Amino acid sequence: MGGGGAYVAFQFLRASLRSPAAESWPMTEGTLQSGRLKPFSSKRKTYWFVEVSYSYSVDGQYYGGYFEREVADEQEGVTYLRQVEGTKISVRYRPDKRETSTVLQSP
C-alpha cells in the first residue's frame, strides 16, 4: 500500500475506533469554521481530503476540533469548503475530557 493508500486506511481505522465510543457521549451544537485541501499521492492515484475545523462550547467554555473527509478531486474540495463554512453541526464530546470531540456525520 503506497503512502496515500496507507493514509486512507489510517483515517478509516481512526474514525471506526472512535465512533462506537463517541455515540454515547453528550452532544452539543458546533460551527464549522474553516478548512484546507490535503492531497496525498500514491504511485497510482492522488487522494484528496478536506480538513475542516469546528468550534463548540460546553458550559460556557469554548473548544475546537477538526475532521477530515475524502473528496473526489481538488475542485470538489474547493466547492465543499466554500459551502460548509459557518454551518451548524452536532458535536459529541467526551464528558471527562471535553476537549476530545468528534463529528459522527459531516455535512
PDB file of N, CA and C in Angstrom:
ATOM      1  N   MET A   1       0.859  -1.170   0.000  1.00  0.00           N
ATOM      2  CA  MET A   1       0.000   0.000   0.000  1.00  0.00           C
ATOM      3  C   MET A   1       0.900   1.226   0.000  1.00  0.00           C
ATOM      4  N   GLY A   2       0.701   2.145  -0.953  1.00  0.00           N
ATOM      5  CA  GLY A   2       1.514   3.341  -1.046  1.00  0.00           C
ATOM      6  C   GLY A   2       1.186   4.331   0.046  1.00  0.00           C
ATOM      7  N   GLY A   3       1.877   5.476   0.041  1.00  0.00           N
ATOM      8  CA  GLY A   3       1.683   6.498   1.060  1.00  0.00           C
ATOM      9  C   GLY A   3       0.249   6.979   1.147  1.00  0.00           C
ATOM     10  N   GLY A   4      -0.389   7.247   0.012  1.00  0.00           N
ATOM     11  CA  GLY A   4      -1.772   7.717   0.015  1.00  0.00           C
ATOM     12  C   GLY A   4      -2.732   6.647   0.502  1.00  0.00           C
ATOM     13  N   GLY A   5      -2.531   5.403   0.057  1.00  0.00           N
ATOM     14  CA  GLY A   5      -3.395   4.308   0.476  1.00  0.00           C
ATOM     15  C   GLY A   5      -3.283   4.036   1.965  1.00  0.00           C
ATOM     16  N   ALA A   6      -2.070   4.127   2.489  1.00  0.00           N
ATOM     17  CA  ALA A   6      -1.875   3.931   3.922  1.00  0.00           C
ATOM     18  C   ALA A   6      -2.582   5.025   4.714  1.00  0.00           C
ATOM     19  N   TYR A   7      -2.539   6.237   4.211  1.00  0.00           N
ATOM     20  CA  TYR A   7      -3.214   7.344   4.890  1.00  0.00           C
ATOM     21  C   TYR A   7      -4.724   7.128   4.903  1.00  0.00           C
ATOM     22  N   VAL A   8      -5.278   6.702   3.786  1.00  0.00           N
ATOM     23  CA  VAL A   8      -6.717   6.426   3.701  1.00  0.00           C
ATOM     24  C   VAL A   8      -7.097   5.341   4.711  1.00  0.00           C
ATOM     25  N   ALA A   9      -6.314   4.278   4.779  1.00  0.00           N
ATOM     26  CA  ALA A   9      -6.599   3.190   5.715  1.00  0.00           C
ATOM     27  C   ALA A   9      -6.499   3.682   7.157  1.00  0.00           C
ATOM     28  N   PHE A  10      -5.510   4.517   7.457  1.00  0.00           N
ATOM     29  CA  PHE A  10      -5.352   5.062   8.804  1.00  0.00           C
ATOM     30  C   PHE A  10      -6.567   5.912   9.191  1.00  0.00           C
ATOM     31  N   GLN A  11      -7.034   6.766   8.292  1.00  0.00           N
ATOM     32  CA  GLN A  11      -8.182   7.627   8.596  1.00  0.00           C
ATOM     33  C   GLN A  11      -9.435   6.790   8.845  1.00  0.00           C
ATOM     34  N   PHE A  12      -9.625   5.742   8.066  1.00  0.00           N
ATOM     35  CA  PHE A  12     -10.789   4.883   8.252  1.00  0.00           C
ATOM     36  C   PHE A  12     -10.717   4.182   9.606  1.00  0.00           C
ATOM     37  N   LEU A  13      -9.552   3.650   9.937  1.00  0.00           N
ATOM     38  CA  LEU A  13      -9.384   2.951  11.206  1.00  0.00           C
ATOM     39  C   LEU A  13      -9.593   3.891  12.381  1.00  0.00           C
ATOM     40  N   ARG A  14      -9.028   5.074  12.318  1.00  0.00           N
ATOM     41  CA  ARG A  14      -9.176   6.049  13.400  1.00  0.00           C
ATOM     42  C   ARG A  14     -10.647   6.410  13.605  1.00  0.00           C
ATOM     43  N   ALA A  15     -11.355   6.651  12.527  1.00  0.00           N
ATOM     44  CA  ALA A  15     -12.777   7.006  12.631  1.00  0.00           C
ATOM     45  C   ALA A  15     -13.602   5.844  13.153  1.00  0.00           C
ATOM     46  N   SER A  16     -13.304   4.633  12.708  1.00  0.00           N
ATOM     47  CA  SER A  16     -14.105   3.489  13.135  1.00  0.00           C
ATOM     48  C   SER A  16     -13.857   3.146  14.597  1.00  0.00           C
ATOM     49  N   LEU A  17     -12.665   3.417  15.111  1.00  0.00           N
ATOM     50  CA  LEU A  17     -12.386   3.156  16.521  1.00  0.00           C
ATOM     51  C   LEU A  17     -13.048   4.182  17.439  1.00  0.00           C
ATOM     52  N   ARG A  18     -13.090   5.437  17.030  1.00  0.00           N
ATOM     53  CA  ARG A  18     -13.659   6.479  17.873  1.00  0.00           C
ATOM     54  C   ARG A  18     -15.189   6.469  17.828  1.00  0.00           C
ATOM     55  N   SER A  19     -15.791   6.206  16.710  1.00  0.00           N
ATOM     56  CA  SER A  19     -17.238   6.337  16.553  1.00  0.00           C
ATOM     57  C   SER A  19     -18.071   5.512  17.531  1.00  0.00           C
ATOM     58  N   PRO A  20     -17.800   4.222  17.751  1.00  0.00           N
ATOM     59  CA  PRO A  20     -18.653   3.471  18.677  1.00  0.00           C
ATOM     60  C   PRO A  20     -18.655   4.057  20.089  1.00  0.00           C
ATOM     61  N   ALA A  21     -17.518   4.429  20.615  1.00  0.00           N
ATOM     62  CA  ALA A  21     -17.463   5.012  21.957  1.00  0.00           C
ATOM     63  C   ALA A  21     -18.143   6.373  21.976  1.00  0.00           C
ATOM     64  N   ALA A  22     -17.943   7.156  20.941  1.00  0.00           N
ATOM     65  CA  ALA A  22     -18.470   8.521  20.901  1.00  0.00           C
ATOM     66  C   ALA A  22     -19.989   8.568  20.777  1.00  0.00           C
ATOM     67  N   GLU A  23     -20.608   7.501  20.326  1.00  0.00           N
ATOM     68  CA  GLU A  23     -22.061   7.510  20.174  1.00  0.00           C
ATOM     69  C   GLU A  23     -22.783   7.715  21.497  1.00  0.00           C
ATOM     70  N   SER A  24     -22.125   7.405  22.610  1.00  0.00           N
ATOM     71  CA  SER A  24     -22.753   7.588  23.923  1.00  0.00           C
ATOM     72  C   SER A  24     -22.344   8.912  24.583  1.00  0.00           C
ATOM     73  N   TRP A  25     -21.441   9.666  23.967  1.00  0.00           N
ATOM     74  CA  TRP A  25     -21.009  10.939  24.531  1.00  0.00           C
ATOM     75  C   TRP A  25     -22.123  11.977  24.415  1.00  0.00           C
ATOM     76  N   PRO A  26     -22.135  12.987  25.303  1.00  0.00           N
ATOM     77  CA  PRO A  26     -23.115  14.072  25.179  1.00  0.00           C
ATOM     78  C   PRO A  26     -22.919  14.820  23.862  1.00  0.00           C
ATOM     79  N   MET A  27     -23.981  15.466  23.406  1.00  0.00           N
ATOM     80  CA  MET A  27     -23.953  16.186  22.148  1.00  0.00           C
ATOM     81  C   MET A  27     -24.185  17.671  22.405  1.00  0.00           C
ATOM     82  N   THR A  28     -23.516  18.496  21.609  1.00  0.00           N
ATOM     83  CA  THR A  28     -23.728  19.934  21.644  1.00  0.00           C
ATOM     84  C   THR A  28     -23.645  20.462  20.219  1.00  0.00           C
ATOM     85  N   GLU A  29     -24.076  21.699  20.028  1.00  0.00           N
ATOM     86  CA  GLU A  29     -24.009  22.301  18.700  1.00  0.00           C
ATOM     87  C   GLU A  29     -22.635  22.908  18.472  1.00  0.00           C
ATOM     88  N   GLY A  30     -22.134  22.717  17.285  1.00  0.00           N
ATOM     89  CA  GLY A  30     -20.864  23.299  16.888  1.00  0.00           C
ATOM     90  C   GLY A  30     -21.027  24.062  15.591  1.00  0.00           C
ATOM     91  N   THR A  31     -19.974  24.767  15.204  1.00  0.00           N
ATOM     92  CA  THR A  31     -19.976  25.549  13.969  1.00  0.00           C
ATOM     93  C   THR A  31     -18.717  25.239  13.179  1.00  0.00           C
ATOM     94  N   LEU A  32     -18.893  24.939  11.889  1.00  0.00           N
ATOM     95  CA  LEU A  32     -17.740  24.713  11.023  1.00  0.00           C
ATOM     96  C   LEU A  32     -17.058  26.047  10.761  1.00  0.00           C
ATOM     97  N   GLN A  33     -15.754  26.077  10.916  1.00  0.00           N
ATOM     98  CA  GLN A  33     -15.007  27.322  10.804  1.00  0.00           C
ATOM     99  C   GLN A  33     -14.329  27.483   9.447  1.00  0.00           C
ATOM    100  N   SER A  34     -13.281  26.772   9.232  1.00  0.00           N
ATOM    101  CA  SER A  34     -12.512  26.910   8.002  1.00  0.00           C
ATOM    102  C   SER A  34     -11.909  25.564   7.662  1.00  0.00           C
ATOM    103  N   GLY A  35     -11.299  25.494   6.506  1.00  0.00           N
ATOM    104  CA  GLY A  35     -10.716  24.226   6.119  1.00  0.00           C
ATOM    105  C   GLY A  35      -9.607  24.400   5.116  1.00  0.00           C
ATOM    106  N   ARG A  36      -9.022  23.265   4.773  1.00  0.00           N
ATOM    107  CA  ARG A  36      -7.967  23.270   3.771  1.00  0.00           C
ATOM    108  C   ARG A  36      -7.982  21.953   3.014  1.00  0.00           C
ATOM    109  N   LEU A  37      -7.461  22.002   1.806  1.00  0.00           N
ATOM    110  CA  LEU A  37      -7.323  20.807   0.976  1.00  0.00           C
ATOM    111  C   LEU A  37      -6.018  20.112   1.297  1.00  0.00           C
ATOM    112  N   LYS A  38      -6.069  18.784   1.316  1.00  0.00           N
ATOM    113  CA  LYS A  38      -4.874  17.998   1.596  1.00  0.00           C
ATOM    114  C   LYS A  38      -4.764  16.877   0.567  1.00  0.00           C
ATOM    115  N   PRO A  39      -3.877  17.033  -0.426  1.00  0.00           N
ATOM    116  CA  PRO A  39      -3.668  15.939  -1.380  1.00  0.00           C
ATOM    117  C   PRO A  39      -2.648  14.935  -0.842  1.00  0.00           C
ATOM    118  N   PHE A  40      -2.902  13.657  -1.083  1.00  0.00           N
ATOM    119  CA  PHE A  40      -1.956  12.598  -0.761  1.00  0.00           C
ATOM    120  C   PHE A  40      -1.819  11.719  -1.991  1.00  0.00           C
ATOM    121  N   SER A  41      -0.591  11.538  -2.427  1.00  0.00           N
ATOM    122  CA  SER A  41      -0.352  10.798  -3.665  1.00  0.00           C
ATOM    123  C   SER A  41       0.278   9.449  -3.400  1.00  0.00           C
ATOM    124  N   SER A  42      -0.223   8.470  -4.123  1.00  0.00           N
ATOM    125  CA  SER A  42       0.419   7.167  -4.169  1.00  0.00           C
ATOM    126  C   SER A  42       1.033   7.052  -5.559  1.00  0.00           C
ATOM    127  N   LYS A  43       1.562   5.900  -5.864  1.00  0.00           N
ATOM    128  CA  LYS A  43       2.161   5.724  -7.190  1.00  0.00           C
ATOM    129  C   LYS A  43       1.120   5.779  -8.295  1.00  0.00           C
ATOM    130  N   ARG A  44      -0.116   5.418  -7.959  1.00  0.00           N
ATOM    131  CA  ARG A  44      -1.155   5.326  -8.987  1.00  0.00           C
ATOM    132  C   ARG A  44      -2.225   6.401  -8.918  1.00  0.00           C
ATOM    133  N   LYS A  45      -2.355   7.068  -7.794  1.00  0.00           N
ATOM    134  CA  LYS A  45      -3.507   7.962  -7.652  1.00  0.00           C
ATOM    135  C   LYS A  45      -3.215   9.063  -6.643  1.00  0.00           C
ATOM    136  N   THR A  46      -3.872  10.197  -6.830  1.00  0.00           N
ATOM    137  CA  THR A  46      -3.855  11.260  -5.829  1.00  0.00           C
ATOM    138  C   THR A  46      -5.197  11.236  -5.118  1.00  0.00           C
ATOM    139  N   TYR A  47      -5.147  11.154  -3.789  1.00  0.00           N
ATOM    140  CA  TYR A  47      -6.341  11.195  -2.961  1.00  0.00           C
ATOM    141  C   TYR A  47      -6.491  12.616  -2.437  1.00  0.00           C
ATOM    142  N   TRP A  48      -7.707  13.125  -2.456  1.00  0.00           N
ATOM    143  CA  TRP A  48      -7.971  14.483  -1.978  1.00  0.00           C
ATOM    144  C   TRP A  48      -8.819  14.426  -0.716  1.00  0.00           C
ATOM    145  N   PHE A  49      -8.404  15.178   0.263  1.00  0.00           N
ATOM    146  CA  PHE A  49      -9.131  15.292   1.526  1.00  0.00           C
ATOM    147  C   PHE A  49      -9.349  16.762   1.839  1.00  0.00           C
ATOM    148  N   VAL A  50     -10.422  17.044   2.544  1.00  0.00           N
ATOM    149  CA  VAL A  50     -10.584  18.360   3.140  1.00  0.00           C
ATOM    150  C   VAL A  50     -10.478  18.174   4.650  1.00  0.00           C
ATOM    151  N   GLU A  51      -9.756  19.060   5.280  1.00  0.00           N
ATOM    152  CA  GLU A  51      -9.668  19.086   6.736  1.00  0.00           C
ATOM    153  C   GLU A  51     -10.442  20.315   7.177  1.00  0.00           C
ATOM    154  N   VAL A  52     -11.471  20.114   7.982  1.00  0.00           N
ATOM    155  CA  VAL A  52     -12.360  21.202   8.378  1.00  0.00           C
ATOM    156  C   VAL A  52     -12.304  21.362   9.893  1.00  0.00           C
ATOM    157  N   SER A  53     -12.051  22.579  10.347  1.00  0.00           N
ATOM    158  CA  SER A  53     -12.045  22.837  11.787  1.00  0.00           C
ATOM    159  C   SER A  53     -13.442  23.254  12.235  1.00  0.00           C
ATOM    160  N   TYR A  54     -13.742  22.981  13.492  1.00  0.00           N
ATOM    161  CA  TYR A  54     -15.028  23.370  14.058  1.00  0.00           C
ATOM    162  C   TYR A  54     -14.815  23.827  15.495  1.00  0.00           C
ATOM    163  N   SER A  55     -15.777  24.587  15.983  1.00  0.00           N
ATOM    164  CA  SER A  55     -15.748  25.032  17.372  1.00  0.00           C
ATOM    165  C   SER A  55     -17.055  24.636  18.037  1.00  0.00           C
ATOM    166  N   TYR A  56     -17.008  24.504  19.356  1.00  0.00           N
ATOM    167  CA  TYR A  56     -18.194  24.177  20.139  1.00  0.00           C
ATOM    168  C   TYR A  56     -17.960  24.653  21.561  1.00  0.00           C
ATOM    169  N   SER A  57     -19.027  24.787  22.313  1.00  0.00           N
ATOM    170  CA  SER A  57     -18.860  25.196  23.707  1.00  0.00           C
ATOM    171  C   SER A  57     -19.650  24.261  24.614  1.00  0.00           C
ATOM    172  N   VAL A  58     -19.124  24.092  25.820  1.00  0.00           N
ATOM    173  CA  VAL A  58     -19.757  23.293  26.854  1.00  0.00           C
ATOM    174  C   VAL A  58     -19.665  24.103  28.146  1.00  0.00           C
ATOM    175  N   ASP A  59     -20.814  24.415  28.714  1.00  0.00           N
ATOM    176  CA  ASP A  59     -20.867  25.205  29.950  1.00  0.00           C
ATOM    177  C   ASP A  59     -20.062  26.497  29.840  1.00  0.00           C
ATOM    178  N   GLY A  60     -20.180  27.168  28.695  1.00  0.00           N
ATOM    179  CA  GLY A  60     -19.529  28.454  28.500  1.00  0.00           C
ATOM    180  C   GLY A  60     -18.054  28.396  28.132  1.00  0.00           C
ATOM    181  N   GLN A  61     -17.469  27.227  28.085  1.00  0.00           N
ATOM    182  CA  GLN A  61     -16.061  27.067  27.716  1.00  0.00           C
ATOM    183  C   GLN A  61     -15.982  26.640  26.252  1.00  0.00           C
ATOM    184  N   TYR A  62     -15.143  27.307  25.459  1.00  0.00           N
ATOM    185  CA  TYR A  62     -15.025  27.005  24.033  1.00  0.00           C
ATOM    186  C   TYR A  62     -13.907  26.007  23.765  1.00  0.00           C
ATOM    187  N   TYR A  63     -14.183  25.129  22.802  1.00  0.00           N
ATOM    188  CA  TYR A  63     -13.238  24.100  22.381  1.00  0.00           C
ATOM    189  C   TYR A  63     -13.240  24.040  20.859  1.00  0.00           C
ATOM    190  N   GLY A  64     -12.291  23.323  20.316  1.00  0.00           N
ATOM    191  CA  GLY A  64     -12.231  23.161  18.874  1.00  0.00           C
ATOM    192  C   GLY A  64     -11.777  21.768  18.491  1.00  0.00           C
ATOM    193  N   GLY A  65     -12.037  21.418  17.275  1.00  0.00           N
ATOM    194  CA  GLY A  65     -11.615  20.131  16.742  1.00  0.00           C
ATOM    195  C   GLY A  65     -11.572  20.213  15.224  1.00  0.00           C
ATOM    196  N   TYR A  66     -11.329  19.109  14.611  1.00  0.00           N
ATOM    197  CA  TYR A  66     -11.357  19.057  13.150  1.00  0.00           C
ATOM    198  C   TYR A  66     -11.735  17.649  12.706  1.00  0.00           C
ATOM    199  N   PHE A  67     -12.198  17.555  11.488  1.00  0.00           N
ATOM    200  CA  PHE A  67     -12.438  16.255  10.872  1.00  0.00           C
ATOM    201  C   PHE A  67     -11.929  16.309   9.454  1.00  0.00           C
ATOM    202  N   GLU A  68     -11.719  15.149   8.890  1.00  0.00           N
ATOM    203  CA  GLU A  68     -11.295  15.045   7.506  1.00  0.00           C
ATOM    204  C   GLU A  68     -12.320  14.244   6.725  1.00  0.00           C
ATOM    205  N   ARG A  69     -12.446  14.613   5.486  1.00  0.00           N
ATOM    206  CA  ARG A  69     -13.385  13.943   4.586  1.00  0.00           C
ATOM    207  C   ARG A  69     -12.726  13.803   3.225  1.00  0.00           C
ATOM    208  N   GLU A  70     -12.853  12.633   2.627  1.00  0.00           N
ATOM    209  CA  GLU A  70     -12.303  12.435   1.294  1.00  0.00           C
ATOM    210  C   GLU A  70     -13.249  13.042   0.265  1.00  0.00           C
ATOM    211  N   VAL A  71     -12.670  13.687  -0.741  1.00  0.00           N
ATOM    212  CA  VAL A  71     -13.441  14.237  -1.856  1.00  0.00           C
ATOM    213  C   VAL A  71     -12.866  13.668  -3.150  1.00  0.00           C
ATOM    214  N   ALA A  72     -13.637  13.770  -4.209  1.00  0.00           N
ATOM    215  CA  ALA A  72     -13.245  13.148  -5.475  1.00  0.00           C
ATOM    216  C   ALA A  72     -12.020  13.811  -6.108  1.00  0.00           C
ATOM    217  N   ASP A  73     -11.969  15.141  -6.029  1.00  0.00           N
ATOM    218  CA  ASP A  73     -10.871  15.862  -6.676  1.00  0.00           C
ATOM    219  C   ASP A  73     -10.735  17.250  -6.050  1.00  0.00           C
ATOM    220  N   GLU A  74      -9.778  17.997  -6.539  1.00  0.00           N
ATOM    221  CA  GLU A  74      -9.492  19.319  -5.979  1.00  0.00           C
ATOM    222  C   GLU A  74     -10.697  20.251  -6.092  1.00  0.00           C
ATOM    223  N   GLN A  75     -11.360  20.277  -7.234  1.00  0.00           N
ATOM    224  CA  GLN A  75     -12.493  21.178  -7.422  1.00  0.00           C
ATOM    225  C   GLN A  75     -13.636  20.858  -6.457  1.00  0.00           C
ATOM    226  N   GLU A  76     -13.924  19.579  -6.262  1.00  0.00           N
ATOM    227  CA  GLU A  76     -14.970  19.201  -5.317  1.00  0.00           C
ATOM    228  C   GLU A  76     -14.605  19.671  -3.902  1.00  0.00           C
ATOM    229  N   GLY A  77     -13.327  19.571  -3.563  1.00  0.00           N
ATOM    230  CA  GLY A  77     -12.871  20.021  -2.252  1.00  0.00           C
ATOM    231  C   GLY A  77     -13.051  21.515  -2.066  1.00  0.00           C
ATOM    232  N   VAL A  78     -12.681  22.293  -3.067  1.00  0.00           N
ATOM    233  CA  VAL A  78     -12.835  23.747  -3.002  1.00  0.00           C
ATOM    234  C   VAL A  78     -14.308  24.112  -2.854  1.00  0.00           C
ATOM    235  N   THR A  79     -15.161  23.478  -3.623  1.00  0.00           N
ATOM    236  CA  THR A  79     -16.606  23.745  -3.549  1.00  0.00           C
ATOM    237  C   THR A  79     -17.151  23.374  -2.182  1.00  0.00           C
ATOM    238  N   TYR A  80     -16.779  22.224  -1.669  1.00  0.00           N
ATOM    239  CA  TYR A  80     -17.244  21.777  -0.357  1.00  0.00           C
ATOM    240  C   TYR A  80     -16.850  22.779   0.727  1.00  0.00           C
ATOM    241  N   LEU A  81     -15.604  23.205   0.714  1.00  0.00           N
ATOM    242  CA  LEU A  81     -15.145  24.145   1.741  1.00  0.00           C
ATOM    243  C   LEU A  81     -15.908  25.468   1.683  1.00  0.00           C
ATOM    244  N   ARG A  82     -16.197  25.947   0.488  1.00  0.00           N
ATOM    245  CA  ARG A  82     -16.983  27.198   0.352  1.00  0.00           C
ATOM    246  C   ARG A  82     -18.391  27.034   0.919  1.00  0.00           C
ATOM    247  N   GLN A  83     -18.977  25.872   0.703  1.00  0.00           N
ATOM    248  CA  GLN A  83     -20.367  25.641   1.101  1.00  0.00           C
ATOM    249  C   GLN A  83     -20.548  25.426   2.594  1.00  0.00           C
ATOM    250  N   VAL A  84     -19.575  24.843   3.278  1.00  0.00           N
ATOM    251  CA  VAL A  84     -19.804  24.435   4.661  1.00  0.00           C
ATOM    252  C   VAL A  84     -19.405  25.453   5.722  1.00  0.00           C
ATOM    253  N   GLU A  85     -18.590  26.435   5.388  1.00  0.00           N
ATOM    254  CA  GLU A  85     -18.150  27.388   6.402  1.00  0.00           C
ATOM    255  C   GLU A  85     -19.354  28.065   7.058  1.00  0.00           C
ATOM    256  N   GLY A  86     -19.388  28.030   8.388  1.00  0.00           N
ATOM    257  CA  GLY A  86     -20.486  28.622   9.148  1.00  0.00           C
ATOM    258  C   GLY A  86     -21.650  27.677   9.409  1.00  0.00           C
ATOM    259  N   THR A  87     -21.607  26.484   8.836  1.00  0.00           N
ATOM    260  CA  THR A  87     -22.676  25.503   9.017  1.00  0.00           C
ATOM    261  C   THR A  87     -22.712  25.003  10.457  1.00  0.00           C
ATOM    262  N   LYS A  88     -23.900  24.861  11.001  1.00  0.00           N
ATOM    263  CA  LYS A  88     -24.079  24.293  12.339  1.00  0.00           C
ATOM    264  C   LYS A  88     -24.044  22.770  12.229  1.00  0.00           C
ATOM    265  N   ILE A  89     -23.367  22.144  13.194  1.00  0.00           N
ATOM    266  CA  ILE A  89     -23.229  20.693  13.202  1.00  0.00           C
ATOM    267  C   ILE A  89     -23.437  20.162  14.616  1.00  0.00           C
ATOM    268  N   SER A  90     -23.667  18.877  14.715  1.00  0.00           N
ATOM    269  CA  SER A  90     -23.761  18.217  16.017  1.00  0.00           C
ATOM    270  C   SER A  90     -22.395  17.642  16.363  1.00  0.00           C
ATOM    271  N   VAL A  91     -21.910  17.997  17.541  1.00  0.00           N
ATOM    272  CA  VAL A  91     -20.599  17.559  18.013  1.00  0.00           C
ATOM    273  C   VAL A  91     -20.794  16.711  19.260  1.00  0.00           C
ATOM    274  N   ARG A  92     -20.161  15.580  19.303  1.00  0.00           N
ATOM    275  CA  ARG A  92     -20.157  14.765  20.528  1.00  0.00           C
ATOM    276  C   ARG A  92     -18.807  14.972  21.204  1.00  0.00           C
ATOM    277  N   TYR A  93     -18.857  15.172  22.516  1.00  0.00           N
ATOM    278  CA  TYR A  93     -17.630  15.412  23.272  1.00  0.00           C
ATOM    279  C   TYR A  93     -17.541  14.438  24.434  1.00  0.00           C
ATOM    280  N   ARG A  94     -16.314  14.112  24.788  1.00  0.00           N
ATOM    281  CA  ARG A  94     -16.069  13.179  25.878  1.00  0.00           C
ATOM    282  C   ARG A  94     -16.342  13.903  27.206  1.00  0.00           C
ATOM    283  N   PRO A  95     -17.237  13.391  28.029  1.00  0.00           N
ATOM    284  CA  PRO A  95     -17.648  14.133  29.223  1.00  0.00           C
ATOM    285  C   PRO A  95     -16.525  14.376  30.232  1.00  0.00           C
ATOM    286  N   ASP A  96     -15.575  13.460  30.336  1.00  0.00           N
ATOM    287  CA  ASP A  96     -14.484  13.631  31.297  1.00  0.00           C
ATOM    288  C   ASP A  96     -13.262  14.339  30.699  1.00  0.00           C
ATOM    289  N   LYS A  97     -13.329  14.627  29.412  1.00  0.00           N
ATOM    290  CA  LYS A  97     -12.231  15.308  28.708  1.00  0.00           C
ATOM    291  C   LYS A  97     -12.861  16.088  27.558  1.00  0.00           C
ATOM    292  N   ARG A  98     -13.482  17.198  27.891  1.00  0.00           N
ATOM    293  CA  ARG A  98     -14.335  17.925  26.935  1.00  0.00           C
ATOM    294  C   ARG A  98     -13.623  18.421  25.685  1.00  0.00           C
ATOM    295  N   GLU A  99     -12.318  18.517  25.724  1.00  0.00           N
ATOM    296  CA  GLU A  99     -11.583  18.941  24.531  1.00  0.00           C
ATOM    297  C   GLU A  99     -11.473  17.813  23.505  1.00  0.00           C
ATOM    298  N   THR A 100     -11.863  16.613  23.874  1.00  0.00           N
ATOM    299  CA  THR A 100     -11.893  15.472  22.956  1.00  0.00           C
ATOM    300  C   THR A 100     -13.302  15.371  22.373  1.00  0.00           C
ATOM    301  N   SER A 101     -13.386  15.480  21.061  1.00  0.00           N
ATOM    302  CA  SER A 101     -14.711  15.513  20.423  1.00  0.00           C
ATOM    303  C   SER A 101     -14.650  14.834  19.068  1.00  0.00           C
ATOM    304  N   THR A 102     -15.824  14.647  18.522  1.00  0.00           N
ATOM    305  CA  THR A 102     -15.917  14.085  17.176  1.00  0.00           C
ATOM    306  C   THR A 102     -17.215  14.535  16.529  1.00  0.00           C
ATOM    307  N   VAL A 103     -17.207  14.525  15.220  1.00  0.00           N
ATOM    308  CA  VAL A 103     -18.396  14.764  14.413  1.00  0.00           C
ATOM    309  C   VAL A 103     -18.694  13.439  13.752  1.00  0.00           C
ATOM    310  N   LEU A 104     -19.807  12.812  14.122  1.00  0.00           N
ATOM    311  CA  LEU A 104     -20.101  11.482  13.598  1.00  0.00           C
ATOM    312  C   LEU A 104     -20.585  11.518  12.156  1.00  0.00           C
ATOM    313  N   GLN A 105     -21.253  12.591  11.773  1.00  0.00           N
ATOM    314  CA  GLN A 105     -21.697  12.745  10.379  1.00  0.00           C
ATOM    315  C   GLN A 105     -21.342  14.131   9.912  1.00  0.00           C
ATOM    316  N   SER A 106     -20.451  14.211   8.945  1.00  0.00           N
ATOM    317  CA  SER A 106     -20.088  15.513   8.410  1.00  0.00           C
ATOM    318  C   SER A 106     -21.095  15.914   7.331  1.00  0.00           C
ATOM    319  N   PRO A 107     -21.307  17.218   7.186  1.00  0.00           N
ATOM    320  CA  PRO A 107     -22.274  17.679   6.173  1.00  0.00           C
ATOM    321  C   PRO A 107     -21.759  17.438   4.768  1.00  0.00           C
TER     322      PRO A 107
END
